[in-house]
């Protein structure tokens, strides 16, 4: 899927954020993180034309027919304010919140995506996605993802009372964090990073200027091809440790930090 170029008004920018994991690890930690995210969105309201939310906003999300998870009212209210101000909002499902349906479209006017897309903005081609299940490896998760995205499995889960379903989901989210927490903090090297491998393979099929993903929980700005035909892979990091985000200002894309952690950037540039 490729969308036509939509140049931004002068002075306006496009923001990309990912991996808030609200709800984890504790209600107190989640609330403090949510307040920080809302302060960022207050600033973005001043000059944003579009905001792309690249997945795992929540540590778990499931939309029952008439029930959605409790909490997150500050974030949802701030997103509503952005939408009401005319800012186009885009949301990708992640591996922790893939069971989204139509709540965000109906309440906030968000555009919802379940798979990677390629768009054109300000004369640049951008390939966007959460990043889970892409590239070589992680076959166990890829099989699990096919099960989770099966409509019958989603229907059966929805038949559980919310208190039971949410309890099961929170248990497995905690288990997932316990297994992968330390691994998420280590850059494996370009040859071992699955998303870099995916970008290189995808570039052979359809040239783009920027690959932008979340999921990896590391702020990465990796040059795949040098100027004048520059191609870059950007991983957005997270809002748990790094509070990092990307911004497209004209044709220039930069990875920035809302807190003073610029030294955490992983780059070969």
Protein backbone atom coordinates (compact mmCIF):
# COMPACT_ATOMS: atom_id res chain seq x y z
CA UNK A 1 0.00 0.00 0.00
CA UNK A 2 1.42 3.38 -1.05
CA UNK A 3 -0.29 6.70 -0.48
CA UNK A 4 0.23 9.74 -2.68
CA UNK A 5 2.49 12.55 -1.54
CA UNK A 6 0.90 15.03 0.81
CA UNK A 7 3.26 17.99 1.36
CA UNK A 8 2.92 19.59 4.78
CA UNK A 9 2.00 23.27 5.27
CA UNK A 10 5.01 25.54 5.82
CA UNK A 11 6.22 25.36 9.41
CA UNK A 12 4.44 22.09 10.13
CA UNK A 13 6.06 18.76 10.96
CA UNK A 14 5.25 15.06 11.09
CA UNK A 15 5.93 13.19 14.34
CA UNK A 16 6.53 9.46 14.88
CA UNK A 17 6.32 7.80 18.32
CA UNK A 18 6.15 4.20 19.50
CA UNK A 19 6.09 1.79 22.43
CA UNK A 20 4.46 3.58 25.35
CA UNK A 21 3.37 0.27 26.97
CA UNK A 22 0.93 2.08 29.21
CA UNK A 23 -0.33 -0.11 32.01
CA UNK A 24 3.12 -1.57 32.77
CA UNK A 25 4.97 -2.27 34.93
CA UNK A 26 2.81 -0.64 37.63
CA UNK A 27 -0.14 1.75 37.64
CA UNK A 28 2.04 4.47 39.21
CA UNK A 29 4.85 4.14 36.67
CA UNK A 30 2.36 4.05 33.83
CA UNK A 31 0.62 7.20 35.03
CA UNK A 32 3.87 9.17 35.27
CA UNK A 33 4.83 8.05 31.78
CA UNK A 34 1.40 8.95 30.44
CA UNK A 35 1.72 12.48 31.86
CA UNK A 36 5.11 12.89 30.16
CA UNK A 37 3.67 11.72 26.83
CA UNK A 38 0.85 14.23 27.17
CA UNK A 39 3.35 17.03 27.78
CA UNK A 40 5.07 16.05 24.56
CA UNK A 41 1.76 16.05 22.68
CA UNK A 42 1.02 19.53 24.06
CA UNK A 43 4.19 20.73 22.34
CA UNK A 44 3.43 18.79 19.16
CA UNK A 45 0.02 20.47 18.99
CA UNK A 46 1.81 23.71 18.14
CA UNK A 47 3.30 22.60 14.82
CA UNK A 48 2.20 19.05 13.95
CA UNK A 49 0.45 18.31 10.68
CA UNK A 50 0.38 14.56 11.32
CA UNK A 51 1.27 12.21 14.17
CA UNK A 52 2.09 8.55 13.58
CA UNK A 53 1.72 6.28 16.61
CA UNK A 54 3.69 3.19 15.69
CA UNK A 55 2.31 0.52 17.97
CA UNK A 56 2.33 -0.85 21.52
CA UNK A 57 0.73 2.23 22.99
CA UNK A 58 -0.64 -0.12 25.62
CA UNK A 59 0.87 -3.16 27.28
CA UNK A 60 -2.38 -4.87 26.38
CA UNK A 61 -5.53 -3.76 24.58
CA UNK A 62 -8.66 -5.65 23.64
CA UNK A 63 -11.92 -4.15 22.47
CA UNK A 64 -14.93 -6.08 23.61
CA UNK A 65 -18.17 -5.19 21.89
CA UNK A 66 -19.12 -2.63 24.54
CA UNK A 67 -16.06 -2.58 26.81
CA UNK A 68 -12.55 -1.17 26.41
CA UNK A 69 -9.69 -1.36 28.97
CA UNK A 70 -9.93 0.94 31.95
CA UNK A 71 -7.71 4.01 32.21
CA UNK A 72 -5.50 6.05 29.84
CA UNK A 73 -7.96 8.96 29.88
CA UNK A 74 -5.19 11.58 29.76
CA UNK A 75 -3.68 10.13 26.61
CA UNK A 76 -7.03 9.55 24.93
CA UNK A 77 -8.15 13.08 25.79
CA UNK A 78 -4.93 14.55 24.40
CA UNK A 79 -5.28 12.57 21.19
CA UNK A 80 -8.85 13.81 20.89
CA UNK A 81 -7.57 17.38 21.25
CA UNK A 82 -5.02 16.75 18.49
CA UNK A 83 -7.70 15.32 16.22
CA UNK A 84 -10.07 18.20 16.96
CA UNK A 85 -7.27 20.64 16.11
CA UNK A 86 -7.08 19.14 12.61
CA UNK A 87 -3.94 17.03 13.13
CA UNK A 88 -4.13 13.77 11.18
CA UNK A 89 -3.55 10.83 13.51
CA UNK A 90 -2.30 7.43 12.37
CA UNK A 91 -2.10 4.33 14.55
CA UNK A 92 -0.34 1.01 13.90
CA UNK A 93 -1.17 -2.04 15.95
CA UNK A 94 1.75 -3.61 17.78
CA UNK A 95 2.33 -7.04 19.22
CA UNK A 96 0.87 -5.94 22.57
CA UNK A 97 -2.21 -4.17 21.19
CA UNK A 98 -2.95 -5.98 17.93
CA UNK A 99 -6.57 -6.63 18.96
CA UNK A 100 -7.78 -3.15 18.13
CA UNK A 101 -10.99 -2.85 16.13
CA UNK A 102 -12.90 0.38 15.52
CA UNK A 103 -12.91 2.27 18.82
CA UNK A 104 -10.10 4.65 17.91
CA UNK A 105 -11.48 5.36 14.46
CA UNK A 106 -14.93 6.15 15.83
CA UNK A 107 -13.85 8.15 18.88
CA UNK A 108 -10.74 9.91 17.60
CA UNK A 109 -10.88 9.72 13.81
CA UNK A 110 -7.62 7.81 13.73
CA UNK A 111 -6.41 5.91 10.68
CA UNK A 112 -5.65 2.35 11.81
CA UNK A 113 -3.11 0.01 10.18
CA UNK A 114 -2.44 -3.66 10.85
CA UNK A 115 0.49 -4.10 8.45
CA UNK A 116 3.39 -1.98 7.16
CA UNK A 117 2.62 0.71 4.60
CA UNK A 118 4.65 2.96 2.31
CA UNK A 119 3.70 6.64 2.13
CA UNK A 120 5.05 9.73 0.41
CA UNK A 121 5.53 12.94 2.34
CA UNK A 122 7.46 16.09 1.41
CA UNK A 123 9.00 14.36 -1.58
CA UNK A 124 10.21 11.40 0.51
CA UNK A 125 9.10 7.78 0.50
CA UNK A 126 8.68 6.29 3.97
CA UNK A 127 8.06 2.64 4.82
CA UNK A 128 6.29 2.44 8.18
CA UNK A 129 5.24 -0.33 10.56
CA UNK A 130 5.45 -1.47 14.14
CA UNK A 131 8.19 -3.94 13.24
CA UNK A 132 7.06 -7.16 14.90
CA UNK A 133 7.41 -10.35 12.91
CA UNK A 134 9.45 -8.77 10.10
CA UNK A 135 12.71 -10.07 8.73
CA UNK A 136 14.33 -13.45 9.39
CA UNK A 137 14.07 -15.35 12.67
CA UNK A 138 11.55 -15.20 15.52
CA UNK A 139 9.55 -18.02 13.96
CA UNK A 140 7.80 -18.83 17.23
CA UNK A 141 6.35 -15.34 17.47
CA UNK A 142 5.35 -15.36 13.80
CA UNK A 143 3.33 -18.52 14.37
CA UNK A 144 1.79 -17.03 17.50
CA UNK A 145 0.90 -13.83 15.65
CA UNK A 146 -1.00 -15.79 13.00
CA UNK A 147 -3.02 -17.40 15.78
CA UNK A 148 -3.71 -14.11 17.55
CA UNK A 149 -4.85 -12.45 14.34
CA UNK A 150 -7.18 -15.28 13.46
CA UNK A 151 -10.79 -13.97 13.64
CA UNK A 152 -12.01 -17.15 15.34
CA UNK A 153 -9.37 -16.86 18.07
CA UNK A 154 -10.30 -13.24 18.65
CA UNK A 155 -13.99 -14.17 18.85
CA UNK A 156 -13.29 -16.93 21.38
CA UNK A 157 -11.20 -14.60 23.53
CA UNK A 158 -13.98 -12.01 23.36
CA UNK A 159 -16.42 -14.58 24.73
CA UNK A 160 -14.52 -14.56 28.03
CA UNK A 161 -15.73 -12.13 30.70
CA UNK A 162 -13.48 -9.02 30.59
CA UNK A 163 -12.13 -9.59 34.10
CA UNK A 164 -10.95 -13.07 33.06
CA UNK A 165 -9.66 -12.08 29.62
CA UNK A 166 -7.76 -9.06 30.89
CA UNK A 167 -6.25 -11.09 33.71
CA UNK A 168 -4.95 -13.72 31.30
CA UNK A 169 -3.58 -11.07 28.95
CA UNK A 170 -1.79 -9.18 31.72
CA UNK A 171 -0.17 -12.40 32.90
CA UNK A 172 1.22 -13.20 29.45
CA UNK A 173 2.37 -9.58 28.96
CA UNK A 174 4.38 -9.82 32.17
CA UNK A 175 5.86 -13.12 31.05
CA UNK A 176 6.82 -11.63 27.69
CA UNK A 177 8.60 -8.69 29.34
CA UNK A 178 10.44 -11.03 31.69
CA UNK A 179 11.75 -13.09 28.74
CA UNK A 180 12.76 -10.23 26.45
CA UNK A 181 13.55 -7.31 28.76
CA UNK A 182 17.34 -7.66 28.79
CA UNK A 183 17.54 -8.55 25.08
CA UNK A 184 15.75 -5.35 24.13
CA UNK A 185 18.58 -3.29 25.61
CA UNK A 186 21.34 -4.72 23.38
CA UNK A 187 22.11 -3.76 19.79
CA UNK A 188 23.13 -7.03 18.16
CA UNK A 189 25.07 -5.56 15.24
CA UNK A 190 23.78 -4.79 11.76
CA UNK A 191 24.12 -8.38 10.57
CA UNK A 192 22.05 -9.70 13.47
CA UNK A 193 19.32 -7.07 13.63
CA UNK A 194 16.24 -8.58 11.96
CA UNK A 195 14.73 -5.23 11.05
CA UNK A 196 17.90 -4.09 9.29
CA UNK A 197 17.81 -7.34 7.29
CA UNK A 198 14.16 -6.68 6.47
CA UNK A 199 14.95 -3.13 5.31
CA UNK A 200 17.73 -4.33 3.01
CA UNK A 201 15.48 -6.95 1.45
CA UNK A 202 12.58 -4.54 1.10
CA UNK A 203 14.83 -1.95 -0.53
CA UNK A 204 15.58 -4.40 -3.33
CA UNK A 205 11.86 -4.56 -4.10
CA UNK A 206 10.80 -0.94 -3.65
CA UNK A 207 13.18 1.92 -3.00
CA UNK A 208 12.30 4.26 -0.15
CA UNK A 209 14.16 7.01 1.67
CA UNK A 210 13.32 6.10 5.25
CA UNK A 211 12.29 2.94 7.08
CA UNK A 212 10.60 3.80 10.38
CA UNK A 213 9.70 1.18 12.98
CA UNK A 214 9.12 0.72 16.68
CA UNK A 215 9.11 -2.61 18.53
CA UNK A 216 12.88 -2.83 19.04
CA UNK A 217 12.88 -0.44 22.04
CA UNK A 218 16.21 1.05 21.00
CA UNK A 219 16.72 4.49 19.38
CA UNK A 220 18.55 3.62 16.17
CA UNK A 221 19.49 5.79 13.18
CA UNK A 222 21.23 3.45 10.73
CA UNK A 223 22.38 4.45 7.28
CA UNK A 224 21.72 1.65 4.78
CA UNK A 225 23.00 3.57 1.75
CA UNK A 226 25.17 6.67 1.59
CA UNK A 227 24.35 10.01 -0.09
CA UNK A 228 23.42 11.01 -2.69
CA UNK A 229 21.08 7.99 -2.60
CA UNK A 230 20.81 7.91 1.16
CA UNK A 231 18.53 5.33 2.79
CA UNK A 232 18.08 5.23 6.55
CA UNK A 233 16.51 2.84 9.04
CA UNK A 234 15.03 4.59 12.05
CA UNK A 235 13.90 2.75 15.14
CA UNK A 236 11.90 4.99 17.43
CA UNK A 237 13.07 3.54 20.74
CA UNK A 238 10.42 3.76 23.45
CA UNK A 239 8.81 5.93 26.11
CA UNK A 240 9.89 3.69 28.96
CA UNK A 241 13.65 4.35 29.04
CA UNK A 242 14.43 6.72 26.17
CA UNK A 243 11.45 9.02 25.48
CA UNK A 244 12.59 9.17 21.87
CA UNK A 245 10.73 10.12 18.70
CA UNK A 246 11.33 11.04 15.07
CA UNK A 247 10.27 14.20 13.29
CA UNK A 248 10.04 14.87 9.57
CA UNK A 249 10.62 18.56 8.89
CA UNK A 250 10.45 19.10 5.15
CA UNK A 251 12.50 16.28 3.61
CA UNK A 252 14.79 15.98 6.67
CA UNK A 253 14.16 13.27 9.25
CA UNK A 254 15.76 13.36 12.70
CA UNK A 255 15.57 11.13 15.76
CA UNK A 256 15.24 13.17 18.93
CA UNK A 257 14.75 12.76 22.67
CA UNK A 258 12.16 14.45 24.88
CA UNK A 259 14.53 14.00 27.82
CA UNK A 260 18.29 14.51 27.88
CA UNK A 261 19.40 11.12 26.53
CA UNK A 262 20.95 11.96 23.18
CA UNK A 263 23.97 9.84 24.13
CA UNK A 264 21.75 6.74 23.94
CA UNK A 265 21.36 6.99 20.15
CA UNK A 266 22.76 4.02 18.20
CA UNK A 267 24.05 5.15 14.81
CA UNK A 268 26.62 4.51 12.11
CA UNK A 269 26.35 8.01 10.65
